[in-house]
Amino acid sequence: MKPTLRTILFLSFLILSGCMTIHRTSPMMWDNRVDPLSLRRGEATSTVFLGIITMGDASLQTALQNGKIRRIHHVEEETKYFFWFLMYVHKTVVWGDSKTLNELNQQ
């Protein structure tokens, strides 16, 4: 059986490509009423294998609880793909304040 040019190109692509990583960060919400130096950070992460097996919780609520945040300043979403999209890691990052607007106004 003779290897065709397509087969050789396909196999060389698989061997030489290595692990592909794509990193994307996008801000989703913004609130300018907070001093950026006093912000807290909370994050939640989940990992997905083969598009069907999920481990972890990357929800906004979990990120808020992890950072002990009561008022959101902005939210970021990060997704990293590995191994030809067979596995990816999704992270939700929340920046905010531990005080509510009423508490800040009373000071």
C-alpha atoms as a PDB file:
ATOM      1  CA  MET A   1       0.000   0.000   0.000  1.00  0.00           C
ATOM      2  CA  LYS A   2       1.551   3.285  -1.131  1.00  0.00           C
ATOM      3  CA  PRO A   3       1.076   6.320   1.086  1.00  0.00           C
ATOM      4  CA  THR A   4      -0.531   9.121  -0.820  1.00  0.00           C
ATOM      5  CA  LEU A   5       0.475  12.748  -0.545  1.00  0.00           C
ATOM      6  CA  ARG A   6      -2.653  13.509   1.504  1.00  0.00           C
ATOM      7  CA  THR A   7      -1.839  10.784   4.005  1.00  0.00           C
ATOM      8  CA  ILE A   8       1.741  12.005   4.383  1.00  0.00           C
ATOM      9  CA  LEU A   9       0.612  15.615   4.863  1.00  0.00           C
ATOM     10  CA  PHE A  10      -2.036  14.599   7.391  1.00  0.00           C
ATOM     11  CA  LEU A  11       0.387  12.492   9.445  1.00  0.00           C
ATOM     12  CA  SER A  12       3.075  15.177   9.361  1.00  0.00           C
ATOM     13  CA  PHE A  13       0.499  17.734  10.526  1.00  0.00           C
ATOM     14  CA  LEU A  14      -0.440  15.524  13.487  1.00  0.00           C
ATOM     15  CA  ILE A  15       3.166  14.863  14.442  1.00  0.00           C
ATOM     16  CA  LEU A  16       4.582  18.373  13.970  1.00  0.00           C
ATOM     17  CA  SER A  17       1.719  20.472  15.293  1.00  0.00           C
ATOM     18  CA  GLY A  18       2.251  19.744  19.011  1.00  0.00           C
ATOM     19  CA  CYS A  19      -0.171  21.081  21.606  1.00  0.00           C
ATOM     20  CA  MET A  20      -2.129  24.042  20.389  1.00  0.00           C
ATOM     21  CA  THR A  21      -3.138  26.614  22.995  1.00  0.00           C
ATOM     22  CA  ILE A  22      -5.535  29.491  22.419  1.00  0.00           C
ATOM     23  CA  HIS A  23      -5.958  32.064  25.173  1.00  0.00           C
ATOM     24  CA  ARG A  24      -8.824  34.564  25.068  1.00  0.00           C
ATOM     25  CA  THR A  25      -9.894  37.063  27.708  1.00  0.00           C
ATOM     26  CA  SER A  26     -12.922  39.287  27.324  1.00  0.00           C
ATOM     27  CA  PRO A  27     -14.418  41.742  29.807  1.00  0.00           C
ATOM     28  CA  MET A  28     -18.174  41.247  30.119  1.00  0.00           C
ATOM     29  CA  MET A  29     -19.421  43.919  32.556  1.00  0.00           C
ATOM     30  CA  TRP A  30     -18.024  47.181  33.896  1.00  0.00           C
ATOM     31  CA  ASP A  31     -18.886  49.528  36.773  1.00  0.00           C
ATOM     32  CA  ASN A  32     -16.808  52.722  37.181  1.00  0.00           C
ATOM     33  CA  ARG A  33     -18.046  53.628  40.695  1.00  0.00           C
ATOM     34  CA  VAL A  34     -15.377  51.587  42.501  1.00  0.00           C
ATOM     35  CA  ASP A  35     -11.762  52.426  43.279  1.00  0.00           C
ATOM     36  CA  PRO A  36      -9.731  49.871  41.245  1.00  0.00           C
ATOM     37  CA  LEU A  37      -7.101  49.570  43.989  1.00  0.00           C
ATOM     38  CA  SER A  38      -9.621  48.214  46.494  1.00  0.00           C
ATOM     39  CA  LEU A  39     -11.005  45.466  44.245  1.00  0.00           C
ATOM     40  CA  ARG A  40     -11.166  41.822  45.265  1.00  0.00           C
ATOM     41  CA  ARG A  41     -10.770  38.945  42.822  1.00  0.00           C
ATOM     42  CA  GLY A  42     -12.756  35.718  42.716  1.00  0.00           C
ATOM     43  CA  GLU A  43     -12.448  32.943  40.171  1.00  0.00           C
ATOM     44  CA  ALA A  44     -14.129  29.685  39.272  1.00  0.00           C
ATOM     45  CA  THR A  45     -12.767  27.087  36.834  1.00  0.00           C
ATOM     46  CA  SER A  46     -14.115  24.100  34.937  1.00  0.00           C
ATOM     47  CA  THR A  47     -12.393  21.623  32.616  1.00  0.00           C
ATOM     48  CA  VAL A  48     -14.154  19.926  29.696  1.00  0.00           C
ATOM     49  CA  PHE A  49     -12.918  16.729  28.023  1.00  0.00           C
ATOM     50  CA  LEU A  50     -14.147  15.669  24.571  1.00  0.00           C
ATOM     51  CA  GLY A  51     -16.929  18.233  24.830  1.00  0.00           C
ATOM     52  CA  ILE A  52     -19.049  15.973  27.041  1.00  0.00           C
ATOM     53  CA  ILE A  53     -17.212  15.360  30.332  1.00  0.00           C
ATOM     54  CA  THR A  54     -17.152  18.408  32.604  1.00  0.00           C
ATOM     55  CA  MET A  55     -15.273  18.733  35.885  1.00  0.00           C
ATOM     56  CA  GLY A  56     -15.625  21.824  38.063  1.00  0.00           C
ATOM     57  CA  ASP A  57     -17.948  24.806  38.269  1.00  0.00           C
ATOM     58  CA  ALA A  58     -17.125  28.017  36.367  1.00  0.00           C
ATOM     59  CA  SER A  59     -20.334  29.848  37.248  1.00  0.00           C
ATOM     60  CA  LEU A  60     -20.531  33.494  38.229  1.00  0.00           C
ATOM     61  CA  GLN A  61     -22.072  32.578  41.596  1.00  0.00           C
ATOM     62  CA  THR A  62     -19.138  30.312  42.478  1.00  0.00           C
ATOM     63  CA  ALA A  63     -16.632  33.014  41.528  1.00  0.00           C
ATOM     64  CA  LEU A  64     -18.502  35.523  43.724  1.00  0.00           C
ATOM     65  CA  GLN A  65     -18.440  33.115  46.671  1.00  0.00           C
ATOM     66  CA  ASN A  66     -14.741  32.278  46.186  1.00  0.00           C
ATOM     67  CA  GLY A  67     -13.793  35.966  46.223  1.00  0.00           C
ATOM     68  CA  LYS A  68     -16.311  36.932  48.931  1.00  0.00           C
ATOM     69  CA  ILE A  69     -17.619  39.638  46.582  1.00  0.00           C
ATOM     70  CA  ARG A  70     -20.976  41.359  47.154  1.00  0.00           C
ATOM     71  CA  ARG A  71     -20.847  44.040  44.424  1.00  0.00           C
ATOM     72  CA  ILE A  72     -19.482  43.333  40.922  1.00  0.00           C
ATOM     73  CA  HIS A  73     -17.079  45.760  39.255  1.00  0.00           C
ATOM     74  CA  HIS A  74     -16.391  43.677  36.141  1.00  0.00           C
ATOM     75  CA  VAL A  75     -16.358  40.077  34.953  1.00  0.00           C
ATOM     76  CA  GLU A  76     -13.806  38.373  32.712  1.00  0.00           C
ATOM     77  CA  GLU A  77     -14.087  35.072  30.911  1.00  0.00           C
ATOM     78  CA  GLU A  78     -11.019  33.052  29.910  1.00  0.00           C
ATOM     79  CA  THR A  79     -10.964  29.934  27.749  1.00  0.00           C
ATOM     80  CA  LYS A  80      -7.859  27.877  26.951  1.00  0.00           C
ATOM     81  CA  TYR A  81      -7.976  25.054  24.403  1.00  0.00           C
ATOM     82  CA  PHE A  82      -5.504  22.136  24.485  1.00  0.00           C
ATOM     83  CA  PHE A  83      -4.849  19.014  22.398  1.00  0.00           C
ATOM     84  CA  TRP A  84      -6.666  19.948  19.187  1.00  0.00           C
ATOM     85  CA  PHE A  85      -9.786  21.087  21.046  1.00  0.00           C
ATOM     86  CA  LEU A  86     -10.148  17.742  22.852  1.00  0.00           C
ATOM     87  CA  MET A  87      -9.804  19.489  26.206  1.00  0.00           C
ATOM     88  CA  TYR A  88     -10.453  23.055  27.292  1.00  0.00           C
ATOM     89  CA  VAL A  89     -10.380  25.009  30.538  1.00  0.00           C
ATOM     90  CA  HIS A  90     -13.002  27.684  31.152  1.00  0.00           C
ATOM     91  CA  LYS A  91     -12.381  30.265  33.875  1.00  0.00           C
ATOM     92  CA  THR A  92     -14.701  33.002  35.143  1.00  0.00           C
ATOM     93  CA  VAL A  93     -12.917  35.853  36.935  1.00  0.00           C
ATOM     94  CA  VAL A  94     -14.944  38.407  38.922  1.00  0.00           C
ATOM     95  CA  TRP A  95     -13.575  41.698  40.231  1.00  0.00           C
ATOM     96  CA  GLY A  96     -15.584  43.557  42.824  1.00  0.00           C
ATOM     97  CA  ASP A  97     -16.042  44.937  46.292  1.00  0.00           C
ATOM     98  CA  SER A  98     -17.026  43.186  49.504  1.00  0.00           C
ATOM     99  CA  LYS A  99     -19.324  46.085  50.457  1.00  0.00           C
ATOM    100  CA  THR A 100     -22.697  46.963  48.955  1.00  0.00           C
ATOM    101  CA  LEU A 101     -23.643  50.420  47.660  1.00  0.00           C
ATOM    102  CA  ASN A 102     -25.624  51.183  50.837  1.00  0.00           C
ATOM    103  CA  GLU A 103     -22.612  50.403  53.018  1.00  0.00           C
ATOM    104  CA  LEU A 104     -20.375  52.617  50.879  1.00  0.00           C
ATOM    105  CA  ASN A 105     -22.861  55.523  50.979  1.00  0.00           C
ATOM    106  CA  GLN A 106     -23.104  55.375  54.791  1.00  0.00           C
ATOM    107  CA  GLN A 107     -19.351  55.927  55.218  1.00  0.00           C
END
